[in-house]
Protein backbone atom coordinates (compact mmCIF):
# COMPACT_ATOMS: atom_id res chain seq x y z
CA UNK A 1 20.46 101.69 182.81
CA UNK A 2 19.35 98.75 180.44
CA UNK A 3 18.27 99.51 177.05
CA UNK A 4 15.14 97.79 175.50
CA UNK A 5 13.85 97.36 171.99
CA UNK A 6 11.14 100.05 171.47
CA UNK A 7 8.78 97.42 169.76
CA UNK A 8 9.66 93.94 170.89
CA UNK A 9 7.03 92.58 168.43
CA UNK A 10 9.01 93.69 165.44
CA UNK A 11 12.22 91.65 166.18
CA UNK A 12 12.71 88.18 164.99
CA UNK A 13 16.21 86.94 165.92
CA UNK A 14 15.31 83.33 165.05
CA UNK A 15 17.05 80.55 167.32
CA UNK A 16 20.04 81.93 169.66
CA UNK A 17 22.25 79.15 170.77
CA UNK A 18 24.64 80.58 173.49
CA UNK A 19 27.91 78.81 174.09
CA UNK A 20 29.75 79.81 177.17
CA UNK A 21 33.47 79.97 178.08
CA UNK A 22 35.96 78.08 179.96
CA UNK A 23 34.87 77.23 183.41
CA UNK A 24 31.66 79.07 182.84
CA UNK A 25 28.11 78.06 182.65
CA UNK A 26 24.40 79.00 181.70
CA UNK A 27 24.63 81.25 184.84
CA UNK A 28 27.05 83.76 183.39
CA UNK A 29 26.04 87.25 183.22
CA UNK A 30 25.96 87.51 179.23
CA UNK A 31 23.93 84.23 179.16
CA UNK A 32 21.34 85.37 181.56
CA UNK A 33 20.92 88.78 180.09
CA UNK A 34 20.49 87.31 176.70
CA UNK A 35 17.93 84.76 178.13
CA UNK A 36 16.07 87.82 179.57
CA UNK A 37 16.09 89.80 176.42
CA UNK A 38 14.71 86.79 174.46
CA UNK A 39 12.06 86.26 176.93
CA UNK A 40 11.07 90.06 176.62
CA UNK A 41 10.73 89.36 172.87
CA UNK A 42 8.38 86.48 173.58
CA UNK A 43 10.97 84.15 172.36
CA UNK A 44 12.09 82.25 175.27
CA UNK A 45 11.59 79.00 173.52
CA UNK A 46 14.03 80.00 170.88
CA UNK A 47 17.04 80.50 173.31
CA UNK A 48 19.16 77.74 174.55
CA UNK A 49 22.28 77.68 176.60
CA UNK A 50 23.58 74.26 177.49
CA UNK A 51 26.13 73.38 180.11
CA UNK A 52 29.03 72.39 178.13
CA UNK A 53 31.18 69.46 179.08
CA UNK A 54 34.88 70.09 179.68
CA UNK A 55 35.82 67.73 176.90
CA UNK A 56 35.81 69.58 173.66
CA UNK A 57 34.64 66.62 171.64
CA UNK A 58 31.55 66.25 173.76
CA UNK A 59 30.97 69.93 174.07
CA UNK A 60 30.76 70.14 170.25
CA UNK A 61 28.63 67.18 169.96
CA UNK A 62 26.00 68.51 172.40
CA UNK A 63 26.04 71.96 170.87
CA UNK A 64 25.81 70.44 167.32
CA UNK A 65 22.67 68.52 168.34
CA UNK A 66 20.96 71.62 169.62
CA UNK A 67 22.08 73.72 166.66
CA UNK A 68 20.29 71.26 164.19
CA UNK A 69 17.06 71.97 165.93
CA UNK A 70 16.70 74.99 163.48
CA UNK A 71 17.67 75.45 160.02
CA UNK A 72 20.91 77.51 159.40
CA UNK A 73 18.97 80.48 158.08
CA UNK A 74 17.16 80.95 161.28
CA UNK A 75 20.11 80.06 163.84
CA UNK A 76 22.77 82.30 165.35
CA UNK A 77 25.47 81.08 167.52
CA UNK A 78 26.62 83.33 170.23
CA UNK A 79 29.93 82.39 171.68
CA UNK A 80 31.84 83.66 174.38
CA UNK A 81 35.82 83.14 174.82
CA UNK A 82 36.11 79.42 174.40
CA UNK A 83 32.54 79.26 173.27
CA UNK A 84 33.53 81.71 170.53
CA UNK A 85 36.10 79.12 169.38
CA UNK A 86 33.35 76.34 169.28
CA UNK A 87 30.93 78.77 167.54
CA UNK A 88 33.25 79.40 164.94
CA UNK A 89 33.89 75.75 164.09
CA UNK A 90 30.15 75.03 164.04
CA UNK A 91 29.37 78.23 161.90
CA UNK A 92 31.59 76.82 159.43
CA UNK A 93 30.36 73.43 159.48
CA UNK A 94 26.46 74.31 159.55
CA UNK A 95 26.63 77.69 157.57
CA UNK A 96 24.83 79.67 160.12
CA UNK A 97 25.33 83.10 161.71
CA UNK A 98 27.87 83.45 164.71
CA UNK A 99 28.46 86.29 167.16
CA UNK A 100 31.81 86.08 168.76
CA UNK A 101 32.18 87.82 172.30
CA UNK A 102 35.98 88.09 173.00
CA UNK A 103 36.66 84.81 171.21
CA UNK A 104 39.58 82.73 171.97
CA UNK A 105 41.75 82.11 168.86
CA UNK A 106 44.11 78.88 168.84
CA UNK A 107 42.30 77.69 172.06
CA UNK A 108 44.85 74.73 172.24
CA UNK A 109 47.56 77.23 172.98
CA UNK A 110 45.45 79.53 175.28
CA UNK A 111 44.41 76.69 177.58
CA UNK A 112 47.77 74.66 177.64
CA UNK A 113 48.43 76.13 180.97
CA UNK A 114 45.15 75.04 182.42
CA UNK A 115 45.52 71.23 182.25
CA UNK A 116 44.62 69.74 185.46
CA UNK A 117 42.08 70.16 188.08
CA UNK A 118 39.80 73.29 187.74
CA UNK A 119 36.89 74.84 189.47
CA UNK A 120 33.86 76.13 187.85
CA UNK A 121 33.00 79.91 188.32
CA UNK A 122 29.26 79.52 188.95
CA UNK A 123 26.89 77.32 190.97
CA UNK A 124 28.50 75.32 193.79
CA UNK A 125 32.03 75.69 192.24
CA UNK A 126 32.02 72.07 191.03
CA UNK A 127 35.63 70.62 190.35
CA UNK A 128 36.43 69.16 187.08
CA UNK A 129 39.66 68.03 185.26
CA UNK A 130 40.77 69.75 182.12
CA UNK A 131 42.81 66.64 180.55
CA UNK A 132 45.98 67.07 178.34
CA UNK A 133 44.23 65.04 175.67
CA UNK A 134 41.65 67.88 175.37
CA UNK A 135 44.26 70.28 173.77
CA UNK A 136 44.66 67.84 170.72
CA UNK A 137 40.69 67.94 170.54
CA UNK A 138 40.81 71.70 170.44
CA UNK A 139 43.51 71.59 167.86
CA UNK A 140 41.12 69.66 165.47
CA UNK A 141 38.43 72.32 165.91
CA UNK A 142 40.72 75.17 164.78
CA UNK A 143 39.35 77.05 161.81
CA UNK A 144 42.26 78.48 159.90
CA UNK A 145 40.31 81.14 157.94
CA UNK A 146 36.62 81.72 157.92
CA UNK A 147 34.95 81.49 154.51
CA UNK A 148 31.87 83.59 154.79
CA UNK A 149 32.77 86.78 156.94
CA UNK A 150 29.40 88.16 156.36
CA UNK A 151 27.94 85.63 158.54
CA UNK A 152 30.12 86.70 161.64
CA UNK A 153 29.88 89.49 164.05
CA UNK A 154 32.93 90.14 166.47
CA UNK A 155 32.35 92.04 169.53
CA UNK A 156 35.95 92.68 171.07
CA UNK A 157 36.86 94.61 174.02
CA UNK A 158 40.19 96.58 174.12
CA UNK A 159 40.14 96.07 177.87
CA UNK A 160 40.13 92.36 177.67
CA UNK A 161 42.76 91.26 180.53
CA UNK A 162 43.11 87.69 179.02
CA UNK A 163 42.97 87.99 175.26
CA UNK A 164 44.27 90.58 172.82
CA UNK A 165 41.54 92.19 170.82
CA UNK A 166 43.88 93.03 167.92
CA UNK A 167 44.32 89.19 167.48
CA UNK A 168 40.60 88.81 167.43
CA UNK A 169 40.30 91.52 164.72
CA UNK A 170 42.98 89.79 162.77
CA UNK A 171 41.23 86.39 163.01
CA UNK A 172 37.90 87.67 161.60
CA UNK A 173 38.78 89.62 158.50
CA UNK A 174 35.80 91.09 156.65
CA UNK A 175 33.36 90.23 159.36
CA UNK A 176 31.26 92.90 161.16
CA UNK A 177 33.25 94.14 164.11
CA UNK A 178 32.28 95.97 167.13
CA UNK A 179 35.38 97.21 169.05
CA UNK A 180 34.52 98.18 172.57
CA UNK A 181 36.74 100.57 174.14
CA UNK A 182 37.96 99.56 177.56
CA UNK A 183 35.52 96.94 179.29
CA UNK A 184 36.95 93.64 180.06
CA UNK A 185 37.17 89.91 179.12
CA UNK A 186 33.55 89.26 180.67
CA UNK A 187 32.18 92.17 178.77
CA UNK A 188 30.25 93.52 181.89
CA UNK A 189 28.96 96.17 179.79
CA UNK A 190 27.25 93.63 177.30
CA UNK A 191 23.86 95.31 177.92
CA UNK A 192 25.41 98.11 175.61
CA UNK A 193 25.92 95.51 172.73
CA UNK A 194 22.95 93.22 173.22
CA UNK A 195 20.54 95.14 170.85
CA UNK A 196 23.12 95.11 168.17
CA UNK A 197 23.82 91.43 168.52
CA UNK A 198 20.12 90.61 168.23
CA UNK A 199 19.79 92.89 165.27
CA UNK A 200 22.45 91.02 163.67
CA UNK A 201 20.66 87.82 164.42
CA UNK A 202 17.51 89.10 162.88
CA UNK A 203 19.43 90.22 159.65
CA UNK A 204 19.70 88.25 156.30
CA UNK A 205 23.39 88.11 156.61
CA UNK A 206 25.02 85.29 154.53
CA UNK A 207 22.48 84.95 151.69
CA UNK A 208 21.88 81.32 152.96
CA UNK A 209 23.52 79.62 149.86
CA UNK A 210 24.64 76.73 152.04
CA UNK A 211 28.00 76.19 154.30
C-alpha cells in the first residue's frame, strides 16, 4: 500500500528535477510516482522530468537549462542510474542537492558494451544509436570525489542486478545513505523511499554557501 504525507500542505520540497537512466524516459515507474506525489503536494508545477537525449553532452545541456529555473537552495536533482551520474555532475557544478537512486559510477565504463543500436524501454520502443564518442563525453562528466557530501542522498539496493551497491556507497562518502535490502536496479519498491527523498529535498542540507 502506498504511503502518503499525513499533511501535504506542510511539505515544501522546492523544485524537483528528475533525470532518468539509460534507455529510460519520463514514463518510468519512479518518475511517474514522483510526479504523482508532487501533484498530491500541490507542487506539480515544480516537478520536471525531461526526455534526455542519448548524447551525454546534449542531455547535460538540457538538464542544466531546466535546473537553472530555480536557485540552488530550492532545487533537488533526483537521478536514477545514468541519471544519477548526470545529477552528480550538475550538483557539483550548480551547488544544489542531489538524490541518487542506484547511480552509475564511471558510466563511461559501464556503458562501453552498449555502443551501437539501442531500443528505448517505454513508449513505442524507439530505436536510437549510442555512439562510441559518447563514452568520452561521459568521461568528461566524471566527478572524482564529491565536495559537499551533506548535499547528497544515496539510495542503493543490495539486490541491484546491474550495479554493485557497495561501489555506490564508496562513491558517496559522508553522504546520507539509505541501503535498501534486496529490491532491484529499478527500485520497484520506490514507494517505500519516496517520502524520505522528499523530506531530504525539503531540508536545509548544504547550508547554501555556494557550489
